[in-house]
Amino acid sequence: MFGLIAMGIAGAAGVFGHIKSRSFVGTKLRYTKLVDKPLIGLWAGVGATVLAAPLVAVLPIVGAGTAIALGAGVGTGVSLGAHDAKERPMVGP
């Protein structure tokens, strides 16, 4: 029973991390040179996993899989958001 709940929480965390990071990178960071870095998605995913690890270590239901799912969601979101930012024309504010 708890395994199914933990998988649902991990999946929701991954999807939420992906959607929010893709939106943020695609809209807010498109004017920076940060989106030109090829490994920015990997570094963001690793950073999100490392930052989420202490939080999921103290929570009773979720575990390391949730931190990994969140990191994977953020990493793919940042990578695709950077690709979206490259595709859009840079128009002034």
C-alpha atoms as a PDB file:
ATOM      1  CA  MET A   1       0.000   0.000   0.000  1.00  0.00           C
ATOM      2  CA  PHE A   2       2.716   2.486   0.978  1.00  0.00           C
ATOM      3  CA  GLY A   3       4.776   1.524  -2.071  1.00  0.00           C
ATOM      4  CA  LEU A   4       1.991   2.617  -4.384  1.00  0.00           C
ATOM      5  CA  ILE A   5       1.603   5.914  -2.538  1.00  0.00           C
ATOM      6  CA  ALA A   6       5.357   6.502  -2.666  1.00  0.00           C
ATOM      7  CA  MET A   7       5.416   5.827  -6.415  1.00  0.00           C
ATOM      8  CA  GLY A   8       2.547   8.265  -6.926  1.00  0.00           C
ATOM      9  CA  ILE A   9       4.340  10.959  -4.939  1.00  0.00           C
ATOM     10  CA  ALA A  10       7.569  10.331  -6.859  1.00  0.00           C
ATOM     11  CA  GLY A  11       5.759  10.541 -10.188  1.00  0.00           C
ATOM     12  CA  ALA A  12       3.961  13.719  -9.192  1.00  0.00           C
ATOM     13  CA  ALA A  13       7.235  15.284  -8.015  1.00  0.00           C
ATOM     14  CA  GLY A  14       8.909  14.397 -11.314  1.00  0.00           C
ATOM     15  CA  VAL A  15       6.102  15.818 -13.432  1.00  0.00           C
ATOM     16  CA  PHE A  16       5.842  18.964 -11.283  1.00  0.00           C
ATOM     17  CA  GLY A  17       9.608  19.524 -11.452  1.00  0.00           C
ATOM     18  CA  HIS A  18       9.604  19.073 -15.220  1.00  0.00           C
ATOM     19  CA  ILE A  19       6.726  21.442 -15.908  1.00  0.00           C
ATOM     20  CA  LYS A  20       7.914  24.213 -13.590  1.00  0.00           C
ATOM     21  CA  SER A  21      11.564  24.099 -14.649  1.00  0.00           C
ATOM     22  CA  ARG A  22      10.740  24.003 -18.368  1.00  0.00           C
ATOM     23  CA  SER A  23       8.449  26.989 -18.014  1.00  0.00           C
ATOM     24  CA  PHE A  24      10.958  28.954 -15.941  1.00  0.00           C
ATOM     25  CA  VAL A  25      13.924  28.306 -18.214  1.00  0.00           C
ATOM     26  CA  GLY A  26      11.946  28.871 -21.400  1.00  0.00           C
ATOM     27  CA  THR A  27      10.568  32.238 -20.327  1.00  0.00           C
ATOM     28  CA  LYS A  28      12.874  33.778 -17.732  1.00  0.00           C
ATOM     29  CA  LEU A  29      16.311  32.527 -18.760  1.00  0.00           C
ATOM     30  CA  ARG A  30      16.052  32.870 -22.526  1.00  0.00           C
ATOM     31  CA  TYR A  31      17.991  36.147 -22.515  1.00  0.00           C
ATOM     32  CA  THR A  32      20.980  34.635 -20.718  1.00  0.00           C
ATOM     33  CA  LYS A  33      23.943  32.698 -22.068  1.00  0.00           C
ATOM     34  CA  LEU A  34      23.125  29.925 -19.606  1.00  0.00           C
ATOM     35  CA  VAL A  35      20.759  28.286 -22.083  1.00  0.00           C
ATOM     36  CA  ASP A  36      23.620  27.807 -24.562  1.00  0.00           C
ATOM     37  CA  LYS A  37      25.433  25.363 -22.265  1.00  0.00           C
ATOM     38  CA  PRO A  38      24.916  21.796 -23.527  1.00  0.00           C
ATOM     39  CA  LEU A  39      25.017  20.103 -20.107  1.00  0.00           C
ATOM     40  CA  ILE A  40      22.815  22.538 -18.195  1.00  0.00           C
ATOM     41  CA  GLY A  41      19.995  19.986 -17.900  1.00  0.00           C
ATOM     42  CA  LEU A  42      22.302  17.365 -16.430  1.00  0.00           C
ATOM     43  CA  TRP A  43      23.726  19.767 -13.856  1.00  0.00           C
ATOM     44  CA  ALA A  44      20.266  21.014 -12.888  1.00  0.00           C
ATOM     45  CA  GLY A  45      19.010  17.459 -12.456  1.00  0.00           C
ATOM     46  CA  VAL A  46      21.971  16.449 -10.304  1.00  0.00           C
ATOM     47  CA  GLY A  47      21.587  19.611  -8.239  1.00  0.00           C
ATOM     48  CA  ALA A  48      17.871  18.997  -7.686  1.00  0.00           C
ATOM     49  CA  THR A  49      18.561  15.411  -6.628  1.00  0.00           C
ATOM     50  CA  VAL A  50      21.244  16.475  -4.165  1.00  0.00           C
ATOM     51  CA  LEU A  51      19.032  19.215  -2.712  1.00  0.00           C
ATOM     52  CA  ALA A  52      16.016  16.911  -2.390  1.00  0.00           C
ATOM     53  CA  ALA A  53      17.943  14.040  -0.789  1.00  0.00           C
ATOM     54  CA  PRO A  54      17.999  15.420   2.787  1.00  0.00           C
ATOM     55  CA  LEU A  55      14.301  16.243   2.614  1.00  0.00           C
ATOM     56  CA  VAL A  56      13.220  12.791   1.467  1.00  0.00           C
ATOM     57  CA  ALA A  57      15.559  11.169   4.006  1.00  0.00           C
ATOM     58  CA  VAL A  58      13.438  12.457   6.896  1.00  0.00           C
ATOM     59  CA  LEU A  59      10.014  11.857   5.355  1.00  0.00           C
ATOM     60  CA  PRO A  60       8.504   8.494   6.305  1.00  0.00           C
ATOM     61  CA  ILE A  61       6.798   7.394   3.060  1.00  0.00           C
ATOM     62  CA  VAL A  62       9.040   8.656   0.270  1.00  0.00           C
ATOM     63  CA  GLY A  63      12.637   7.662  -0.315  1.00  0.00           C
ATOM     64  CA  ALA A  64      15.572   8.054  -2.636  1.00  0.00           C
ATOM     65  CA  GLY A  65      13.414   7.236  -5.660  1.00  0.00           C
ATOM     66  CA  THR A  66      11.464  10.435  -5.118  1.00  0.00           C
ATOM     67  CA  ALA A  67      14.631  12.530  -5.096  1.00  0.00           C
ATOM     68  CA  ILE A  68      15.818  10.791  -8.255  1.00  0.00           C
ATOM     69  CA  ALA A  69      12.443  11.293  -9.973  1.00  0.00           C
ATOM     70  CA  LEU A  70      12.449  14.972  -9.027  1.00  0.00           C
ATOM     71  CA  GLY A  71      16.010  15.360 -10.329  1.00  0.00           C
ATOM     72  CA  ALA A  72      15.145  13.621 -13.582  1.00  0.00           C
ATOM     73  CA  GLY A  73      12.072  15.810 -14.031  1.00  0.00           C
ATOM     74  CA  VAL A  74      13.982  19.015 -13.361  1.00  0.00           C
ATOM     75  CA  GLY A  75      16.866  17.931 -15.610  1.00  0.00           C
ATOM     76  CA  THR A  76      14.636  17.138 -18.565  1.00  0.00           C
ATOM     77  CA  GLY A  77      12.590  20.290 -17.972  1.00  0.00           C
ATOM     78  CA  VAL A  78      15.671  22.511 -17.965  1.00  0.00           C
ATOM     79  CA  SER A  79      17.054  20.816 -21.056  1.00  0.00           C
ATOM     80  CA  LEU A  80      13.820  21.178 -23.023  1.00  0.00           C
ATOM     81  CA  GLY A  81      13.258  24.702 -21.695  1.00  0.00           C
ATOM     82  CA  ALA A  82      16.699  25.684 -22.959  1.00  0.00           C
ATOM     83  CA  HIS A  83      15.813  24.196 -26.339  1.00  0.00           C
ATOM     84  CA  ASP A  84      12.544  26.174 -26.333  1.00  0.00           C
ATOM     85  CA  ALA A  85      14.438  29.356 -25.474  1.00  0.00           C
ATOM     86  CA  LYS A  86      16.793  28.856 -28.422  1.00  0.00           C
ATOM     87  CA  GLU A  87      13.860  28.399 -30.790  1.00  0.00           C
ATOM     88  CA  ARG A  88      12.067  31.617 -29.829  1.00  0.00           C
ATOM     89  CA  PRO A  89      13.217  34.878 -31.366  1.00  0.00           C
ATOM     90  CA  MET A  90      14.678  37.374 -28.894  1.00  0.00           C
ATOM     91  CA  VAL A  91      12.282  40.287 -28.802  1.00  0.00           C
ATOM     92  CA  GLY A  92      12.771  43.243 -26.499  1.00  0.00           C
ATOM     93  CA  PRO A  93      10.564  43.711 -23.423  1.00  0.00           C
END
